[in-house]
Structures are given as C-alpha cells and as structure tokens.
Amino acid sequence: MNDHESRLHRTWVQVLLEAGHRELAAAVLDADVTTLVSGFNAYGLSIDLPPSAFPLVHGNPAIRDALTVTLKTVAAGYVSDQNGNDVPDPEIEFRMKLLDPEDGWKAVARDLIVNYKDANQALVSEKVFKREGRTLYVYNEMKFASQSEIRIAQELENRKVLFLPLALAVRAETGNSYQDHREVDFLVCLDGTWGILEVSYHPDRFEKDAEKDSWFKKSGVLCVQHCTAERCYQRPGEVVSEFLDILAKHRR
C-alpha cells in the first residue's frame, strides 16, 4: 500500500470501530487496500484479505455489503481519474491476499501435512453445519457458529481472559458419543476457576439446556450462564462483565 492507501485503510478501520463493528474491523485489519486502475484512470479499490479472514467476508453477503458501504463513505472524494475528477461510485473488490514465499516454506508446509492432527475445536458444530449445508465463521484462526459468538470472543480477548471457544468436552460414561461428548460455546478460566458461557438461540430449549448444564455441574463446573444471541451481539461487553462477576463468586 502507498501512503494514500494506508491512510484510507487506517480511517476505514477506525470508522468500523467507532460504529461498534469490531468483528468487521478485525476481519480487515491485516488487509491491504489497493487502488484499481484501468489504463491511467482509477476506478475503485481492492481489498486483499488474509486467507484466514477471506472466508468470513466472501461467504457472507451482509458483511461484504457493510464493508463496502463504509469504505465507499471513507473513500468519497479520494478516488479520482487521471484528470483529477472524483469517481462518484468507486468499485470495491474483495480478493484473497497472496502470501510471500518465505525461505523454507515448503518444508514448513510438508511438516504440517505429515504431522496434521484434526482439531477438536467446533467439532460438533461443524457436523451440524455440514448437514444443513452451512459453513462456520472463522475469526482469528477459531471457528464460531455466529457473529454473536465472535463478539464475545473479541471481548474476552480484549480482557486477556483465557477461554476455549466451542470446546469439545468428553466424559465416557455410556459409550455413546452423542451422550458422552458435549460442546460448549465458551469454556472460560478466571484465576483458576472454570465457567461456561452459552449463547442461546432458541428460547424453547430449556430442558435440553438444563440437562447439559447438569452434565457439566456433575464434574464440578458449577458456573454455567446463558445469554441470548441478540444481547451477545449488541452488548458483548455487558455480557462478559456480568459473566465474569458471577464466575468470580465461584472461586474456592
């Protein structure tokens, strides 16, 4: 990026943050903003996203639209043709950023292939999403089932709290994986005390949620809190503060 493009990028991220769109700001923070030129005339901007962020943006029209609208607002008056005339409606493209081939990259990739271990993170959610033809969200190398979960993760990151997102828990009691395997939205550790924060989507799941809560409490994880997806998305800071206050009361 040149200086002009860097300033557009910096301003764009700031606008997203001030509008409360932290997950969008995180998605484009490591992106490159490049001016699109045809002949000698600029006609738009290209957003080159890191491979980890590209699926989140590419697979979600609502996110692409929000990013496009905000960038066009920032770029208004700053994209011009060779005669200095403003481009009234600059084109916005999203591309995957190409990686630089560093020394020894093939050896590193080969080691990852040979020593690959399938992750347990989001294992249950991934199976459900595949059956429904949907794709999980990816943020900061973690998988999530919703934007609400991403906002909670960002809040926990900002507070430097240890957490495991969509963690697979196992207690082999029955021999049936659907009974012995449970997935929680957030398993959180605060000063040695563990608790669970669940993002609730369906208000009619009381019996299933209660049974799942009891399953964890049986092993001593006594702090299990539920919060609606809407509240997690709109007020993640409030949700996390409330949860951590409750979790702190469970310290032994």
Protein backbone atom coordinates (compact mmCIF):
# COMPACT_ATOMS: atom_id res chain seq x y z
CA MET A 1 0.00 0.00 0.00
CA ASN A 2 1.17 3.53 -0.70
CA ASP A 3 0.70 6.35 1.81
CA HIS A 4 -2.70 7.35 0.43
CA GLU A 5 -3.99 3.76 0.53
CA SER A 6 -2.62 3.27 4.05
CA ARG A 7 -4.50 6.35 5.24
CA LEU A 8 -7.72 5.11 3.66
CA HIS A 9 -7.23 1.74 5.38
CA ARG A 10 -6.49 3.33 8.76
CA THR A 11 -9.52 5.60 8.57
CA TRP A 12 -11.77 2.76 7.44
CA VAL A 13 -10.80 0.57 10.40
CA GLN A 14 -11.39 3.50 12.76
CA VAL A 15 -14.86 4.13 11.30
CA LEU A 16 -15.76 0.45 11.77
CA LEU A 17 -14.55 0.50 15.38
CA GLU A 18 -16.44 3.67 16.24
CA ALA A 19 -19.60 2.17 14.72
CA GLY A 20 -19.27 -0.85 17.00
CA HIS A 21 -18.36 -3.26 14.19
CA ARG A 22 -15.34 -4.78 15.87
CA GLU A 23 -15.64 -8.13 14.12
CA LEU A 24 -15.58 -6.33 10.76
CA ALA A 25 -12.61 -4.22 11.82
CA ALA A 26 -10.79 -7.39 12.88
CA ALA A 27 -11.51 -9.01 9.50
CA VAL A 28 -9.89 -6.17 7.53
CA LEU A 29 -7.22 -5.08 9.99
CA ASP A 30 -4.49 -7.09 8.23
CA ALA A 31 -5.89 -6.48 4.74
CA ASP A 32 -4.29 -4.36 2.03
CA VAL A 33 -6.21 -1.58 0.29
CA THR A 34 -5.08 -1.12 -3.32
CA THR A 35 -6.30 1.33 -5.94
CA LEU A 36 -7.80 -0.33 -9.03
CA VAL A 37 -6.59 1.27 -12.25
CA SER A 38 -7.65 0.79 -15.87
CA GLY A 39 -5.24 2.49 -18.26
CA PHE A 40 -4.42 5.68 -16.39
CA ASN A 41 -7.74 6.02 -14.58
CA ALA A 42 -8.51 4.80 -11.07
CA TYR A 43 -11.96 3.25 -10.86
CA GLY A 44 -12.13 1.58 -7.45
CA LEU A 45 -10.41 -0.15 -4.56
CA SER A 46 -9.35 -3.73 -4.00
CA ILE A 47 -9.38 -5.23 -0.50
CA ASP A 48 -6.85 -8.05 -0.27
CA LEU A 49 -7.81 -10.14 2.77
CA PRO A 50 -5.60 -12.64 4.64
CA PRO A 51 -6.54 -16.28 3.90
CA SER A 52 -7.89 -16.63 7.47
CA ALA A 53 -10.31 -13.70 7.05
CA PHE A 54 -11.34 -14.20 3.42
CA PRO A 55 -13.95 -16.97 4.05
CA LEU A 56 -15.71 -14.82 6.67
CA VAL A 57 -16.16 -11.95 4.21
CA HIS A 58 -16.57 -13.89 0.97
CA GLY A 59 -19.21 -16.22 2.38
CA ASN A 60 -21.40 -13.55 3.98
CA PRO A 61 -23.15 -11.01 1.71
CA ALA A 62 -24.24 -8.91 4.71
CA ILE A 63 -20.63 -8.50 5.84
CA ARG A 64 -19.47 -7.67 2.31
CA ASP A 65 -22.21 -5.07 1.96
CA ALA A 66 -21.40 -3.45 5.31
CA LEU A 67 -17.70 -3.27 4.46
CA THR A 68 -18.43 -1.90 1.00
CA VAL A 69 -20.74 0.84 2.27
CA THR A 70 -18.33 2.02 4.96
CA LEU A 71 -15.32 2.00 2.65
CA LYS A 72 -17.19 3.97 -0.01
CA THR A 73 -18.08 6.52 2.67
CA VAL A 74 -14.44 6.85 3.69
CA ALA A 75 -13.16 6.95 0.09
CA ALA A 76 -15.64 9.59 -1.12
CA GLY A 77 -13.60 12.34 -2.78
CA TYR A 78 -10.35 10.36 -2.58
CA VAL A 79 -10.59 8.20 -5.72
CA SER A 80 -10.07 10.21 -8.91
CA ASP A 81 -9.26 9.73 -12.59
CA GLN A 82 -6.15 11.00 -14.41
CA ASN A 83 -7.71 14.45 -14.73
CA GLY A 84 -8.38 14.73 -11.02
CA ASN A 85 -12.12 14.18 -11.32
CA ASP A 86 -13.76 12.26 -8.49
CA VAL A 87 -15.03 8.75 -9.20
CA PRO A 88 -18.61 9.06 -7.83
CA ASP A 89 -19.22 5.36 -7.16
CA PRO A 90 -15.88 3.53 -6.89
CA GLU A 91 -15.93 -0.22 -7.43
CA ILE A 92 -14.98 -2.32 -4.38
CA GLU A 93 -13.43 -5.76 -4.88
CA PHE A 94 -12.55 -8.36 -2.24
CA ARG A 95 -9.69 -10.71 -3.02
CA MET A 96 -7.57 -13.18 -1.09
CA LYS A 97 -4.16 -11.76 -0.25
CA LEU A 98 -1.33 -13.77 -1.81
CA LEU A 99 1.33 -14.95 0.63
CA ASP A 100 5.01 -14.17 0.17
CA PRO A 101 7.03 -17.40 -0.39
CA GLU A 102 9.46 -17.20 2.52
CA ASP A 103 12.60 -19.34 2.68
CA GLY A 104 11.82 -22.94 3.64
CA TRP A 105 8.06 -22.57 3.25
CA LYS A 106 7.72 -25.95 1.55
CA ALA A 107 9.41 -27.72 4.47
CA VAL A 108 7.05 -25.99 6.91
CA ALA A 109 4.00 -26.94 4.82
CA ARG A 110 5.24 -30.51 4.45
CA ASP A 111 5.63 -30.81 8.23
CA LEU A 112 2.08 -29.52 8.74
CA ILE A 113 0.79 -32.11 6.26
CA VAL A 114 2.70 -35.05 7.75
CA ASN A 115 2.01 -34.15 11.39
CA TYR A 116 -1.56 -32.95 10.90
CA LYS A 117 -3.95 -33.52 13.78
CA ASP A 118 -7.62 -32.78 13.28
CA ALA A 119 -8.80 -30.15 15.73
CA ASN A 120 -11.49 -30.81 18.30
CA GLN A 121 -12.49 -27.15 18.26
CA ALA A 122 -16.05 -26.72 16.91
CA LEU A 123 -16.19 -30.42 16.00
CA VAL A 124 -19.86 -30.89 16.92
CA SER A 125 -20.99 -27.59 15.41
CA GLU A 126 -19.14 -28.38 12.18
CA LYS A 127 -21.01 -31.67 11.79
CA VAL A 128 -24.34 -29.91 12.32
CA PHE A 129 -23.49 -27.13 9.88
CA LYS A 130 -22.39 -29.60 7.20
CA ARG A 131 -25.70 -31.45 7.46
CA GLU A 132 -27.50 -28.15 6.96
CA GLY A 133 -25.26 -27.03 4.09
CA ARG A 134 -23.84 -24.12 6.09
CA THR A 135 -20.30 -23.00 6.88
CA LEU A 136 -18.91 -21.94 10.25
CA TYR A 137 -17.47 -18.47 10.68
CA VAL A 138 -13.69 -18.21 11.08
CA TYR A 139 -12.15 -15.44 13.16
CA ASN A 140 -8.54 -15.27 14.31
CA GLU A 141 -7.98 -18.98 13.48
CA MET A 142 -11.03 -20.00 15.55
CA LYS A 143 -14.36 -21.35 14.34
CA PHE A 144 -17.68 -19.94 15.51
CA ALA A 145 -21.34 -20.63 14.84
CA SER A 146 -22.41 -16.97 14.74
CA GLN A 147 -21.37 -13.33 14.73
CA SER A 148 -22.65 -13.12 18.31
CA GLU A 149 -20.04 -15.68 19.39
CA ILE A 150 -17.32 -13.73 17.58
CA ARG A 151 -18.23 -10.59 19.50
CA ILE A 152 -17.98 -12.44 22.82
CA ALA A 153 -14.61 -13.89 21.76
CA GLN A 154 -13.31 -10.42 20.90
CA GLU A 155 -14.44 -9.10 24.28
CA LEU A 156 -12.66 -11.94 26.10
CA GLU A 157 -9.55 -11.32 24.01
CA ASN A 158 -9.57 -7.63 24.90
CA ARG A 159 -9.70 -8.54 28.59
CA LYS A 160 -6.85 -11.08 28.27
CA VAL A 161 -9.08 -13.84 29.71
CA LEU A 162 -8.26 -17.49 29.00
CA PHE A 163 -11.07 -19.14 27.04
CA LEU A 164 -11.77 -22.16 24.85
CA PRO A 165 -14.36 -21.48 22.11
CA LEU A 166 -16.68 -24.30 21.03
CA ALA A 167 -14.64 -26.73 23.10
CA LEU A 168 -15.38 -30.46 22.95
CA ALA A 169 -15.83 -31.98 26.41
CA VAL A 170 -15.76 -35.75 26.93
CA ARG A 171 -16.82 -37.91 29.87
CA ALA A 172 -17.02 -41.52 28.70
CA GLU A 173 -19.91 -42.80 30.80
CA THR A 174 -22.22 -44.55 28.35
CA GLY A 175 -20.11 -45.42 25.31
CA ASN A 176 -22.41 -43.33 23.12
CA SER A 177 -20.68 -40.27 21.68
CA TYR A 178 -23.90 -38.26 21.49
CA GLN A 179 -24.23 -38.63 25.27
CA ASP A 180 -20.56 -38.60 26.27
CA HIS A 181 -19.49 -35.68 24.05
CA ARG A 182 -20.71 -32.16 24.75
CA GLU A 183 -19.73 -28.86 23.15
CA VAL A 184 -19.87 -25.53 24.95
CA ASP A 185 -19.81 -22.10 23.36
CA PHE A 186 -17.19 -20.71 25.75
CA LEU A 187 -15.25 -22.51 28.47
CA VAL A 188 -13.63 -19.74 30.48
CA CYS A 189 -10.92 -19.81 33.15
CA LEU A 190 -10.67 -16.89 35.57
CA ASP A 191 -7.89 -17.16 38.16
CA GLY A 192 -8.16 -20.95 38.22
CA THR A 193 -11.96 -21.07 38.31
CA TRP A 194 -13.75 -22.54 35.30
CA GLY A 195 -17.13 -21.49 33.98
CA ILE A 196 -19.27 -21.81 30.86
CA LEU A 197 -20.95 -19.06 28.88
CA GLU A 198 -23.57 -20.23 26.39
CA VAL A 199 -25.00 -18.11 23.58
CA SER A 200 -28.69 -19.04 23.38
CA TYR A 201 -30.58 -19.00 20.08
CA HIS A 202 -33.77 -20.93 20.86
CA PRO A 203 -35.91 -19.96 23.89
CA ASP A 204 -37.71 -23.33 23.84
CA ARG A 205 -34.60 -25.42 24.63
CA PHE A 206 -34.93 -25.20 28.42
CA GLU A 207 -35.00 -28.96 29.09
CA LYS A 208 -32.05 -29.73 26.81
CA ASP A 209 -30.02 -26.83 28.21
CA ALA A 210 -30.81 -27.84 31.79
CA GLU A 211 -29.68 -31.42 31.11
CA LYS A 212 -26.47 -30.18 29.51
CA ASP A 213 -25.80 -27.81 32.41
CA SER A 214 -26.25 -30.66 34.90
CA TRP A 215 -23.81 -32.80 32.90
CA PHE A 216 -21.06 -30.24 33.47
CA LYS A 217 -22.00 -29.46 37.06
CA LYS A 218 -21.62 -33.16 37.82
CA SER A 219 -17.89 -32.71 37.13
CA GLY A 220 -17.61 -29.57 39.23
CA VAL A 221 -18.08 -26.86 36.59
CA LEU A 222 -20.76 -25.07 38.58
CA CYS A 223 -20.91 -21.70 36.83
CA VAL A 224 -22.98 -22.11 33.67
CA GLN A 225 -24.62 -18.95 32.31
CA HIS A 226 -26.85 -18.46 29.27
CA CYS A 227 -27.35 -15.23 27.35
CA THR A 228 -29.41 -14.53 24.24
CA ALA A 229 -27.59 -14.25 20.92
CA GLU A 230 -29.15 -10.82 20.37
CA ARG A 231 -27.75 -9.44 23.62
CA CYS A 232 -24.34 -11.02 22.99
CA TYR A 233 -24.20 -9.30 19.61
CA GLN A 234 -25.47 -5.90 20.73
CA ARG A 235 -23.85 -5.64 24.19
CA PRO A 236 -20.92 -8.10 24.38
CA GLY A 237 -19.05 -6.01 26.95
CA GLU A 238 -22.01 -6.01 29.31
CA VAL A 239 -22.49 -9.77 28.86
CA VAL A 240 -18.85 -10.61 29.57
CA SER A 241 -18.65 -8.29 32.59
CA GLU A 242 -21.75 -9.86 34.09
CA PHE A 243 -20.47 -13.38 33.44
CA LEU A 244 -17.02 -12.71 34.92
CA ASP A 245 -18.58 -11.14 38.03
CA ILE A 246 -20.67 -14.28 38.56
CA LEU A 247 -17.72 -16.58 37.83
CA ALA A 248 -15.59 -14.72 40.39
CA LYS A 249 -18.12 -15.61 43.09
CA HIS A 250 -17.45 -19.32 42.43
CA ARG A 251 -13.79 -19.11 43.46
CA ARG A 252 -12.91 -21.58 46.15
